[in-house]
Amino acid sequence: MQNIISITQARNDIFKIADKVQKGNTYYTLTEHGRAKAVIMSAEEFDSWVETMEVMRDIPDLKKDIEEVERDLKSGAYKKYTTLEEILAKEGFVKN
């Protein structure tokens, strides 16, 4: 849930805001002279955003890759993929 407040109001209510952003999907957009200036969100949610951005940078075609795998699964072409269990067994982590 987005909340829009002025920086001045945020300064007065910072402890309440810090508590409220701990609820999932809650963040505050801080404004100065009516224009968005900064965002406050929980540290956990921020870490999640950073991780998502890193994955998107490292695997830029991820959405396309997922769509390809989904098509293969629907068409029965999934046999060309190696399962995690097969990899672990090959590396000796799982006994067949």
N, C-alpha and C. Protein backbone atom coordinates (compact mmCIF):
# COMPACT_ATOMS: atom_id res chain seq x y z
N MET A 1 0.85 -1.17 0.00
CA MET A 1 0.00 0.00 0.00
C MET A 1 0.89 1.24 0.00
N GLN A 2 0.64 2.11 -0.95
CA GLN A 2 1.41 3.33 -1.06
C GLN A 2 0.78 4.43 -0.21
N ASN A 3 1.63 5.15 0.49
CA ASN A 3 1.22 6.30 1.27
C ASN A 3 2.07 7.46 0.80
N ILE A 4 1.45 8.59 0.53
CA ILE A 4 2.19 9.76 0.05
C ILE A 4 2.09 10.83 1.13
N ILE A 5 3.26 11.24 1.62
CA ILE A 5 3.30 12.28 2.65
C ILE A 5 4.49 13.20 2.39
N SER A 6 4.45 14.36 3.00
CA SER A 6 5.56 15.30 2.84
C SER A 6 6.75 14.87 3.69
N ILE A 7 7.90 15.32 3.32
CA ILE A 7 9.11 15.01 4.10
C ILE A 7 8.96 15.56 5.53
N THR A 8 8.35 16.71 5.65
CA THR A 8 8.15 17.29 6.98
C THR A 8 7.27 16.39 7.84
N GLN A 9 6.19 15.89 7.27
CA GLN A 9 5.32 14.98 8.02
C GLN A 9 6.07 13.69 8.35
N ALA A 10 6.87 13.19 7.42
CA ALA A 10 7.65 11.97 7.67
C ALA A 10 8.63 12.18 8.82
N ARG A 11 9.24 13.33 8.87
CA ARG A 11 10.18 13.63 9.95
C ARG A 11 9.47 13.57 11.31
N ASN A 12 8.24 14.07 11.36
CA ASN A 12 7.48 14.06 12.60
C ASN A 12 7.00 12.66 12.99
N ASP A 13 6.77 11.80 11.98
CA ASP A 13 6.17 10.48 12.23
C ASP A 13 7.11 9.32 11.89
N ILE A 14 8.41 9.56 11.87
CA ILE A 14 9.35 8.57 11.36
C ILE A 14 9.27 7.23 12.10
N PHE A 15 9.06 7.23 13.40
CA PHE A 15 9.00 5.97 14.14
C PHE A 15 7.73 5.19 13.79
N LYS A 16 6.60 5.90 13.62
CA LYS A 16 5.37 5.24 13.20
C LYS A 16 5.52 4.68 11.79
N ILE A 17 6.14 5.45 10.91
CA ILE A 17 6.35 5.01 9.53
C ILE A 17 7.23 3.77 9.50
N ALA A 18 8.31 3.79 10.29
CA ALA A 18 9.22 2.64 10.34
C ALA A 18 8.48 1.38 10.78
N ASP A 19 7.55 1.51 11.70
CA ASP A 19 6.75 0.35 12.13
C ASP A 19 5.77 -0.08 11.04
N LYS A 20 5.13 0.88 10.39
CA LYS A 20 4.10 0.55 9.40
C LYS A 20 4.68 -0.13 8.16
N VAL A 21 5.89 0.24 7.75
CA VAL A 21 6.45 -0.36 6.54
C VAL A 21 6.88 -1.81 6.75
N GLN A 22 6.86 -2.27 8.00
CA GLN A 22 7.19 -3.68 8.26
C GLN A 22 6.10 -4.61 7.75
N LYS A 23 4.90 -4.08 7.54
CA LYS A 23 3.81 -4.86 6.94
C LYS A 23 4.12 -5.01 5.46
N GLY A 24 3.86 -6.18 4.92
CA GLY A 24 4.16 -6.42 3.51
C GLY A 24 3.48 -5.44 2.57
N ASN A 25 4.19 -5.08 1.52
CA ASN A 25 3.68 -4.21 0.46
C ASN A 25 3.23 -2.84 0.96
N THR A 26 3.87 -2.33 1.99
CA THR A 26 3.56 -0.99 2.49
C THR A 26 4.80 -0.13 2.34
N TYR A 27 4.62 1.02 1.69
CA TYR A 27 5.74 1.94 1.55
C TYR A 27 5.22 3.37 1.53
N TYR A 28 6.13 4.28 1.75
CA TYR A 28 5.80 5.70 1.78
C TYR A 28 6.60 6.43 0.71
N THR A 29 5.90 7.25 -0.06
CA THR A 29 6.56 8.15 -0.99
C THR A 29 6.60 9.51 -0.30
N LEU A 30 7.81 10.05 -0.16
CA LEU A 30 7.97 11.34 0.50
C LEU A 30 8.06 12.43 -0.55
N THR A 31 7.34 13.50 -0.31
CA THR A 31 7.31 14.59 -1.28
C THR A 31 7.92 15.86 -0.70
N GLU A 32 8.42 16.66 -1.61
CA GLU A 32 8.91 17.99 -1.26
C GLU A 32 8.30 18.95 -2.28
N HIS A 33 7.56 19.93 -1.81
CA HIS A 33 6.85 20.87 -2.68
C HIS A 33 5.95 20.12 -3.66
N GLY A 34 5.33 19.03 -3.19
CA GLY A 34 4.38 18.28 -3.99
C GLY A 34 4.99 17.30 -4.99
N ARG A 35 6.31 17.21 -5.03
CA ARG A 35 6.97 16.30 -5.97
C ARG A 35 7.64 15.16 -5.22
N ALA A 36 7.52 13.96 -5.76
CA ALA A 36 8.13 12.79 -5.13
C ALA A 36 9.64 12.99 -5.01
N LYS A 37 10.16 12.69 -3.83
CA LYS A 37 11.58 12.92 -3.56
C LYS A 37 12.29 11.64 -3.11
N ALA A 38 11.60 10.79 -2.34
CA ALA A 38 12.22 9.57 -1.80
C ALA A 38 11.13 8.58 -1.43
N VAL A 39 11.57 7.34 -1.18
CA VAL A 39 10.64 6.27 -0.78
C VAL A 39 11.18 5.60 0.47
N ILE A 40 10.29 5.27 1.39
CA ILE A 40 10.65 4.50 2.58
C ILE A 40 9.93 3.16 2.50
N MET A 41 10.70 2.08 2.62
CA MET A 41 10.14 0.73 2.66
C MET A 41 10.94 -0.07 3.66
N SER A 42 10.46 -1.26 3.99
CA SER A 42 11.18 -2.08 4.96
C SER A 42 12.51 -2.53 4.36
N ALA A 43 13.47 -2.79 5.22
CA ALA A 43 14.77 -3.28 4.78
C ALA A 43 14.63 -4.62 4.07
N GLU A 44 13.73 -5.47 4.57
CA GLU A 44 13.51 -6.78 3.95
C GLU A 44 12.99 -6.63 2.53
N GLU A 45 12.03 -5.75 2.35
CA GLU A 45 11.47 -5.53 1.00
C GLU A 45 12.53 -4.91 0.08
N PHE A 46 13.32 -3.98 0.61
CA PHE A 46 14.39 -3.37 -0.19
C PHE A 46 15.39 -4.44 -0.64
N ASP A 47 15.79 -5.32 0.28
CA ASP A 47 16.73 -6.40 -0.07
C ASP A 47 16.15 -7.27 -1.18
N SER A 48 14.86 -7.54 -1.11
CA SER A 48 14.20 -8.34 -2.14
C SER A 48 14.25 -7.64 -3.49
N TRP A 49 14.01 -6.34 -3.50
CA TRP A 49 14.07 -5.57 -4.75
C TRP A 49 15.49 -5.61 -5.32
N VAL A 50 16.49 -5.43 -4.46
CA VAL A 50 17.88 -5.46 -4.93
C VAL A 50 18.21 -6.82 -5.54
N GLU A 51 17.80 -7.88 -4.87
CA GLU A 51 18.06 -9.22 -5.37
C GLU A 51 17.37 -9.44 -6.73
N THR A 52 16.14 -8.97 -6.85
CA THR A 52 15.41 -9.09 -8.12
C THR A 52 16.14 -8.34 -9.23
N MET A 53 16.60 -7.15 -8.94
CA MET A 53 17.32 -6.36 -9.94
C MET A 53 18.62 -7.04 -10.35
N GLU A 54 19.31 -7.66 -9.40
CA GLU A 54 20.54 -8.38 -9.72
C GLU A 54 20.26 -9.57 -10.63
N VAL A 55 19.19 -10.31 -10.33
CA VAL A 55 18.82 -11.45 -11.18
C VAL A 55 18.47 -10.96 -12.58
N MET A 56 17.71 -9.88 -12.67
CA MET A 56 17.33 -9.35 -13.97
C MET A 56 18.56 -8.89 -14.75
N ARG A 57 19.55 -8.37 -14.07
CA ARG A 57 20.79 -7.94 -14.74
C ARG A 57 21.61 -9.14 -15.18
N ASP A 58 21.70 -10.16 -14.30
CA ASP A 58 22.51 -11.34 -14.60
C ASP A 58 21.87 -12.24 -15.64
N ILE A 59 20.55 -12.28 -15.68
CA ILE A 59 19.83 -13.15 -16.61
C ILE A 59 18.80 -12.29 -17.34
N PRO A 60 19.25 -11.48 -18.31
CA PRO A 60 18.35 -10.51 -18.94
C PRO A 60 17.19 -11.14 -19.71
N ASP A 61 17.34 -12.37 -20.16
CA ASP A 61 16.28 -13.03 -20.93
C ASP A 61 15.48 -14.00 -20.07
N LEU A 62 15.47 -13.80 -18.77
CA LEU A 62 14.82 -14.74 -17.86
C LEU A 62 13.36 -14.99 -18.23
N LYS A 63 12.61 -13.94 -18.51
CA LYS A 63 11.19 -14.10 -18.84
C LYS A 63 11.05 -14.96 -20.10
N LYS A 64 11.87 -14.69 -21.10
CA LYS A 64 11.82 -15.48 -22.34
C LYS A 64 12.20 -16.93 -22.07
N ASP A 65 13.21 -17.14 -21.23
CA ASP A 65 13.64 -18.50 -20.88
C ASP A 65 12.54 -19.26 -20.16
N ILE A 66 11.86 -18.61 -19.23
CA ILE A 66 10.76 -19.24 -18.49
C ILE A 66 9.63 -19.60 -19.44
N GLU A 67 9.30 -18.69 -20.34
CA GLU A 67 8.24 -18.96 -21.31
C GLU A 67 8.59 -20.16 -22.20
N GLU A 68 9.88 -20.27 -22.59
CA GLU A 68 10.32 -21.39 -23.42
C GLU A 68 10.17 -22.71 -22.67
N VAL A 69 10.58 -22.72 -21.41
CA VAL A 69 10.45 -23.95 -20.61
C VAL A 69 8.98 -24.31 -20.44
N GLU A 70 8.14 -23.33 -20.18
CA GLU A 70 6.71 -23.60 -20.03
C GLU A 70 6.12 -24.19 -21.31
N ARG A 71 6.53 -23.67 -22.47
CA ARG A 71 6.06 -24.23 -23.75
C ARG A 71 6.54 -25.67 -23.89
N ASP A 72 7.80 -25.92 -23.54
CA ASP A 72 8.35 -27.27 -23.63
C ASP A 72 7.60 -28.23 -22.72
N LEU A 73 7.28 -27.78 -21.53
CA LEU A 73 6.54 -28.64 -20.59
C LEU A 73 5.17 -29.00 -21.14
N LYS A 74 4.50 -28.01 -21.72
CA LYS A 74 3.17 -28.26 -22.27
C LYS A 74 3.22 -29.18 -23.49
N SER A 75 4.29 -29.07 -24.28
CA SER A 75 4.37 -29.85 -25.52
C SER A 75 4.98 -31.23 -25.31
N GLY A 76 5.50 -31.48 -24.11
CA GLY A 76 6.12 -32.77 -23.85
C GLY A 76 7.60 -32.80 -24.16
N ALA A 77 8.18 -31.67 -24.53
CA ALA A 77 9.60 -31.61 -24.87
C ALA A 77 10.48 -31.43 -23.64
N TYR A 78 9.90 -31.60 -22.48
CA TYR A 78 10.64 -31.39 -21.23
C TYR A 78 11.74 -32.42 -21.01
N LYS A 79 11.72 -33.51 -21.74
CA LYS A 79 12.72 -34.56 -21.54
C LYS A 79 14.12 -34.10 -21.90
N LYS A 80 14.25 -32.97 -22.61
CA LYS A 80 15.57 -32.46 -22.95
C LYS A 80 16.25 -31.76 -21.76
N TYR A 81 15.50 -31.57 -20.67
CA TYR A 81 16.03 -30.92 -19.48
C TYR A 81 16.50 -31.94 -18.46
N THR A 82 17.52 -31.58 -17.71
CA THR A 82 18.03 -32.42 -16.63
C THR A 82 17.42 -31.92 -15.33
N THR A 83 16.91 -32.83 -14.52
CA THR A 83 16.31 -32.42 -13.25
C THR A 83 17.40 -32.21 -12.20
N LEU A 84 17.06 -31.48 -11.17
CA LEU A 84 17.99 -31.27 -10.06
C LEU A 84 18.37 -32.60 -9.43
N GLU A 85 17.39 -33.48 -9.30
CA GLU A 85 17.67 -34.80 -8.71
C GLU A 85 18.70 -35.56 -9.53
N GLU A 86 18.59 -35.48 -10.86
CA GLU A 86 19.55 -36.15 -11.73
C GLU A 86 20.95 -35.57 -11.59
N ILE A 87 21.04 -34.26 -11.47
CA ILE A 87 22.35 -33.61 -11.30
C ILE A 87 22.96 -34.01 -9.96
N LEU A 88 22.15 -33.98 -8.90
CA LEU A 88 22.66 -34.36 -7.57
C LEU A 88 23.12 -35.81 -7.56
N ALA A 89 22.36 -36.69 -8.20
CA ALA A 89 22.74 -38.10 -8.25
C ALA A 89 24.05 -38.26 -9.02
N LYS A 90 24.19 -37.57 -10.13
CA LYS A 90 25.41 -37.65 -10.94
C LYS A 90 26.63 -37.17 -10.15
N GLU A 91 26.44 -36.17 -9.31
CA GLU A 91 27.54 -35.61 -8.52
C GLU A 91 27.77 -36.38 -7.21
N GLY A 92 26.96 -37.40 -6.98
CA GLY A 92 27.15 -38.26 -5.81
C GLY A 92 26.48 -37.79 -4.54
N PHE A 93 25.59 -36.82 -4.65
CA PHE A 93 24.91 -36.33 -3.47
C PHE A 93 23.66 -37.13 -3.12
N VAL A 94 23.14 -37.87 -4.10
CA VAL A 94 21.95 -38.68 -3.91
C VAL A 94 22.25 -40.06 -4.46
N LYS A 95 21.93 -41.06 -3.69
CA LYS A 95 22.16 -42.42 -4.16
C LYS A 95 20.90 -42.94 -4.84
N ASN A 96 21.07 -43.50 -6.02
CA ASN A 96 19.94 -44.07 -6.77
C ASN A 96 19.59 -45.45 -6.27
